[in-house]
Amino acid sequence: MARHEKREGIAFNIGFNNNSLMGAFGLNVGFQSMKEEIHIDAQPQPAIANPPPVQAIGPPVSNNPQQFKAIEPSPVNRNNIQSKIIAFYKNEIPSEPNGDFIENIINNWYGDYEKLDTFNNYIQWLFPSRLPGKNPQAPLLTDEDVEMIKHCKQSVMRAFAMMLDFYGMKLEDNTINLAPNHKERLKKITSHRKYYYVISRILSLLKELGEQELMITWLKFLADLIQKNHLDKDAKSSFNSYWIKALDKNGFDAVKGYINQINRN
């Protein structure tokens, strides 16, 4: 199994071609709330050739995120003093089925791509949502959970960094860049739609926690990858139908404006 090692950053430089990114994305859509992708049953898609490196462009990540409206309010749980999600985030119970404690996942699974690729025994616990997924033993997110997870946000950010590494990306100096192993990782994640569904789930929790600036930074980076054909048609579809709609109106307009700016360059 692969083990995580600290990797040195690499700088990449690209120019944008004259093709219309808006046309390539088909972003002739108005803002509306996101409905998360929840099924992991798509047929495998052909992998792309090794892509040339690109550099992420995005605003600094906010250290003081604002609170945004929840996607779909869930009923208040008055029967349980502490939910399973909070117990998991406090490292008191493992994820189910056959999962592990959150500290073991973040500390020991980081860089172990074979283990992380299983998804169903941990991903819905690590990035809980108000919508059901493939794992029926994973609890659904409530308003109470969101308020409690805000006190465990450092664990969320560590989990996010772990998943960025899984995707061949890294967060450094408030910017998301490609990792040195990005070619093999991008080839892997373009082999099946399930990898895009996990991105939808991560964005959903980031929205709940008010991490709007981080979402904008990541979506601009993903837009760059799609525009340069480093991600496939399924990524483009997920971007249009789910990822960009995870933003609130201001965030949606910011990413759309970024795409328009690319078109003018």
Protein backbone atom coordinates (compact mmCIF):
# COMPACT_ATOMS: atom_id res chain seq x y z
CA MET A 1 0.00 0.00 0.00
CA ALA A 2 1.18 3.53 -0.71
CA ARG A 3 2.14 5.68 2.24
CA HIS A 4 2.02 9.44 2.47
CA GLU A 5 5.24 11.40 2.29
CA LYS A 6 5.62 15.15 2.46
CA ARG A 7 6.14 16.43 -1.06
CA GLU A 8 7.75 19.65 -2.24
CA GLY A 9 5.62 22.05 -4.23
CA ILE A 10 6.00 22.56 -7.98
CA ALA A 11 5.15 25.76 -9.82
CA PHE A 12 3.26 25.54 -13.10
CA ASN A 13 2.55 28.18 -15.73
CA ILE A 14 -0.01 28.11 -18.51
CA GLY A 15 -1.77 30.47 -20.89
CA PHE A 16 -5.44 30.31 -21.80
CA ASN A 17 -6.45 29.60 -25.36
CA ASN A 18 -9.07 31.54 -27.28
CA ASN A 19 -11.80 28.94 -26.87
CA SER A 20 -14.78 30.14 -24.90
CA LEU A 21 -14.81 28.52 -21.47
CA MET A 22 -18.42 29.49 -21.04
CA GLY A 23 -19.19 27.74 -24.29
CA ALA A 24 -17.15 24.73 -23.30
CA PHE A 25 -18.91 24.53 -19.95
CA GLY A 26 -22.36 25.43 -21.25
CA LEU A 27 -22.82 27.72 -18.27
CA ASN A 28 -25.99 29.32 -19.58
CA VAL A 29 -27.67 28.67 -16.27
CA GLY A 30 -29.12 30.77 -13.50
CA PHE A 31 -28.29 30.34 -9.85
CA GLN A 32 -30.21 27.69 -7.96
CA SER A 33 -29.64 25.47 -4.95
CA MET A 34 -27.49 22.40 -5.30
CA LYS A 35 -28.98 18.91 -5.19
CA GLU A 36 -26.12 16.60 -4.33
CA GLU A 37 -25.11 13.65 -6.47
CA ILE A 38 -25.60 10.57 -4.31
CA HIS A 39 -25.38 7.45 -6.46
CA ILE A 40 -22.08 5.69 -7.18
CA ASP A 41 -23.14 3.34 -9.93
CA ALA A 42 -21.96 4.90 -13.21
CA GLN A 43 -20.16 2.92 -15.88
CA PRO A 44 -16.38 3.51 -16.00
CA GLN A 45 -15.24 6.19 -18.42
CA PRO A 46 -12.01 6.05 -20.46
CA ALA A 47 -9.02 7.68 -18.80
CA ILE A 48 -7.42 10.72 -20.37
CA ALA A 49 -3.83 10.93 -21.51
CA ASN A 50 -1.26 12.44 -19.16
CA PRO A 51 -2.24 16.12 -18.94
CA PRO A 52 0.25 18.96 -18.93
CA PRO A 53 0.55 20.74 -15.57
CA VAL A 54 -1.49 23.81 -14.74
CA GLN A 55 -1.39 26.40 -12.01
CA ALA A 56 -4.34 27.13 -9.78
CA ILE A 57 -5.71 30.66 -9.72
CA GLY A 58 -7.98 31.73 -6.91
CA PRO A 59 -8.57 34.15 -4.05
CA PRO A 60 -7.01 33.64 -0.61
CA VAL A 61 -8.80 31.20 1.66
CA SER A 62 -10.60 33.02 4.42
CA ASN A 63 -9.55 32.29 8.00
CA ASN A 64 -12.78 33.82 9.25
CA PRO A 65 -15.52 32.26 7.12
CA GLN A 66 -19.00 33.71 7.22
CA GLN A 67 -22.06 31.64 7.97
CA PHE A 68 -24.25 30.82 4.99
CA LYS A 69 -27.73 29.37 4.81
CA ALA A 70 -27.92 25.57 5.03
CA ILE A 71 -28.80 23.63 1.88
CA GLU A 72 -31.94 21.97 3.23
CA PRO A 73 -32.77 22.31 6.94
CA SER A 74 -33.23 18.96 8.67
CA PRO A 75 -35.53 18.41 11.64
CA VAL A 76 -34.00 19.05 15.04
CA ASN A 77 -33.05 15.79 16.73
CA ARG A 78 -34.43 16.06 20.26
CA ASN A 79 -34.07 12.38 21.14
CA ASN A 80 -30.27 12.08 21.20
CA ILE A 81 -28.00 14.28 23.29
CA GLN A 82 -25.16 13.62 20.85
CA SER A 83 -25.46 12.34 17.30
CA LYS A 84 -23.27 9.67 15.76
CA ILE A 85 -21.70 12.28 13.50
CA ILE A 86 -20.50 14.31 16.48
CA ALA A 87 -19.31 11.19 18.32
CA PHE A 88 -17.33 10.27 15.22
CA TYR A 89 -15.80 13.74 14.95
CA LYS A 90 -14.86 13.58 18.64
CA ASN A 91 -13.01 10.33 17.90
CA GLU A 92 -15.37 8.37 20.18
CA ILE A 93 -16.78 5.91 17.61
CA PRO A 94 -15.52 4.53 14.29
CA SER A 95 -17.26 4.96 10.96
CA GLU A 96 -19.48 2.07 9.89
CA PRO A 97 -19.40 -0.50 8.41
CA ASN A 98 -15.83 -1.71 8.93
CA GLY A 99 -14.38 1.79 9.06
CA ASP A 100 -12.12 3.46 11.59
CA PHE A 101 -11.83 6.38 14.02
CA ILE A 102 -11.41 9.80 12.45
CA GLU A 103 -7.90 10.34 13.85
CA ASN A 104 -6.76 6.99 12.46
CA ILE A 105 -8.28 7.82 9.06
CA ILE A 106 -6.65 11.25 8.81
CA ASN A 107 -3.28 10.24 10.28
CA ASN A 108 -2.85 6.72 8.91
CA TRP A 109 -4.87 6.63 5.68
CA TYR A 110 -3.34 9.82 4.24
CA GLY A 111 -1.57 8.82 1.04
CA ASP A 112 -2.90 5.24 1.19
CA TYR A 113 -4.87 5.57 -2.04
CA GLU A 114 -5.96 1.94 -2.14
CA LYS A 115 -7.63 2.21 1.26
CA LEU A 116 -9.12 5.66 0.57
CA ASP A 117 -10.58 4.37 -2.70
CA THR A 118 -13.07 2.18 -0.80
CA PHE A 119 -15.11 5.33 0.05
CA ASN A 120 -18.29 3.67 1.34
CA ASN A 121 -17.01 2.84 4.82
CA TYR A 122 -15.88 6.36 5.70
CA ILE A 123 -16.64 9.14 3.20
CA GLN A 124 -20.23 9.81 4.33
CA TRP A 125 -19.01 10.02 7.93
CA LEU A 126 -16.07 12.27 7.15
CA PHE A 127 -18.18 14.59 4.96
CA PRO A 128 -21.76 14.14 6.19
CA SER A 129 -24.68 15.44 4.16
CA ARG A 130 -28.40 16.03 4.59
CA LEU A 131 -29.02 13.67 1.68
CA PRO A 132 -28.59 9.87 1.82
CA GLY A 133 -25.77 8.13 0.03
CA LYS A 134 -24.76 4.58 -0.72
CA ASN A 135 -23.93 3.70 2.90
CA PRO A 136 -27.19 3.21 4.86
CA GLN A 137 -25.27 3.12 8.16
CA ALA A 138 -24.01 6.68 7.75
CA PRO A 139 -26.16 9.22 9.66
CA LEU A 140 -27.61 12.27 7.94
CA LEU A 141 -26.48 15.78 8.85
CA THR A 142 -28.74 18.01 10.98
CA ASP A 143 -28.62 21.67 11.98
CA GLU A 144 -27.36 20.63 15.42
CA ASP A 145 -24.55 18.63 13.84
CA VAL A 146 -23.46 21.60 11.74
CA GLU A 147 -23.14 23.83 14.81
CA MET A 148 -21.10 21.19 16.63
CA ILE A 149 -18.84 20.42 13.67
CA LYS A 150 -17.91 24.11 13.50
CA HIS A 151 -16.02 23.48 16.74
CA CYS A 152 -14.18 20.59 15.02
CA LYS A 153 -13.41 22.52 11.83
CA GLN A 154 -9.71 21.77 12.06
CA SER A 155 -10.54 18.08 11.58
CA VAL A 156 -12.63 18.96 8.51
CA MET A 157 -9.73 20.91 7.02
CA ARG A 158 -7.32 18.04 7.67
CA ALA A 159 -9.75 15.65 6.01
CA PHE A 160 -10.08 18.06 3.08
CA ALA A 161 -6.29 18.16 2.70
CA MET A 162 -6.21 14.36 2.71
CA MET A 163 -8.80 14.18 -0.07
CA LEU A 164 -7.04 16.86 -2.12
CA ASP A 165 -3.93 14.68 -1.96
CA PHE A 166 -6.04 11.73 -3.12
CA TYR A 167 -7.08 13.80 -6.15
CA GLY A 168 -3.50 14.86 -6.92
CA MET A 169 -3.96 18.36 -5.52
CA LYS A 170 -2.68 20.32 -2.54
CA LEU A 171 -3.56 23.45 -0.58
CA GLU A 172 -0.63 25.74 0.20
CA ASP A 173 -0.31 29.48 0.71
CA ASN A 174 -4.10 29.85 0.34
CA THR A 175 -3.95 28.42 -3.18
CA ILE A 176 -4.84 24.99 -4.54
CA ASN A 177 -2.16 23.55 -6.82
CA LEU A 178 -1.40 20.27 -8.50
CA ALA A 179 0.71 17.79 -6.52
CA PRO A 180 3.82 16.20 -8.05
CA ASN A 181 1.90 12.93 -8.58
CA HIS A 182 -1.03 14.67 -10.30
CA LYS A 183 -0.73 12.85 -13.62
CA GLU A 184 -1.35 9.39 -12.18
CA ARG A 185 -4.03 10.68 -9.81
CA LEU A 186 -5.95 12.60 -12.52
CA LYS A 187 -5.79 9.52 -14.73
CA LYS A 188 -7.31 7.51 -11.89
CA ILE A 189 -10.14 9.89 -11.01
CA THR A 190 -11.24 10.26 -14.63
CA SER A 191 -11.78 6.49 -14.76
CA HIS A 192 -15.10 6.55 -12.86
CA ARG A 193 -17.82 9.04 -11.99
CA LYS A 194 -17.77 8.12 -8.30
CA TYR A 195 -14.77 10.39 -7.80
CA TYR A 196 -16.83 13.38 -8.92
CA TYR A 197 -19.70 12.45 -6.61
CA VAL A 198 -17.29 12.64 -3.68
CA ILE A 199 -16.33 16.17 -4.74
CA SER A 200 -20.03 17.07 -4.60
CA ARG A 201 -20.23 15.69 -1.07
CA ILE A 202 -17.15 17.61 0.09
CA LEU A 203 -18.51 20.86 -1.36
CA SER A 204 -21.81 20.24 0.40
CA LEU A 205 -20.16 20.14 3.83
CA LEU A 206 -17.90 23.10 3.09
CA LYS A 207 -21.02 25.09 2.26
CA GLU A 208 -22.67 24.07 5.53
CA LEU A 209 -19.61 25.30 7.43
CA GLY A 210 -19.52 28.64 5.63
CA GLU A 211 -16.26 27.99 3.77
CA GLN A 212 -17.36 30.01 0.75
CA GLU A 213 -13.92 31.39 -0.16
CA LEU A 214 -12.34 27.95 -0.05
CA MET A 215 -15.11 26.61 -2.30
CA ILE A 216 -14.57 29.44 -4.80
CA THR A 217 -10.82 28.78 -4.83
CA TRP A 218 -11.33 25.06 -5.47
CA LEU A 219 -13.99 25.59 -8.14
CA LYS A 220 -11.79 28.03 -10.05
CA PHE A 221 -9.03 25.45 -9.96
CA LEU A 222 -11.39 22.71 -11.19
CA ALA A 223 -12.62 25.06 -13.92
CA ASP A 224 -9.03 25.46 -15.11
CA LEU A 225 -8.59 21.69 -15.27
CA ILE A 226 -11.82 21.19 -17.22
CA GLN A 227 -11.11 24.06 -19.60
CA LYS A 228 -7.74 22.55 -20.50
CA ASN A 229 -9.29 19.06 -20.94
CA HIS A 230 -7.42 17.63 -17.95
CA LEU A 231 -10.76 16.38 -16.62
CA ASP A 232 -13.37 14.66 -18.77
CA LYS A 233 -16.97 15.31 -19.87
CA ASP A 234 -18.37 13.84 -16.66
CA ALA A 235 -16.44 16.42 -14.64
CA LYS A 236 -17.87 19.16 -16.83
CA SER A 237 -21.37 17.80 -16.29
CA SER A 238 -20.87 17.63 -12.53
CA PHE A 239 -19.42 21.15 -12.49
CA ASN A 240 -22.46 22.61 -14.27
CA SER A 241 -25.14 20.56 -12.55
CA TYR A 242 -23.83 20.33 -8.99
CA TRP A 243 -20.50 21.85 -8.04
CA ILE A 244 -21.06 25.49 -9.00
CA LYS A 245 -24.60 25.34 -7.59
CA ALA A 246 -23.23 24.48 -4.17
CA LEU A 247 -22.25 28.17 -3.94
CA ASP A 248 -24.56 30.90 -2.78
CA LYS A 249 -25.57 33.63 -5.24
CA ASN A 250 -22.49 35.77 -4.62
CA GLY A 251 -20.14 32.83 -4.95
CA PHE A 252 -21.87 31.64 -8.10
CA ASP A 253 -21.48 35.07 -9.65
CA ALA A 254 -17.80 35.21 -8.61
CA VAL A 255 -16.95 31.93 -10.35
CA LYS A 256 -19.03 32.85 -13.39
CA GLY A 257 -17.22 36.20 -13.52
CA TYR A 258 -13.89 34.41 -13.33
CA ILE A 259 -14.87 32.31 -16.36
CA ASN A 260 -15.88 35.45 -18.25
CA GLN A 261 -12.52 37.00 -17.40
CA ILE A 262 -10.74 33.96 -18.86
CA ASN A 263 -12.72 34.39 -22.06
CA ARG A 264 -11.53 37.98 -22.43
CA ASN A 265 -7.85 37.02 -22.04
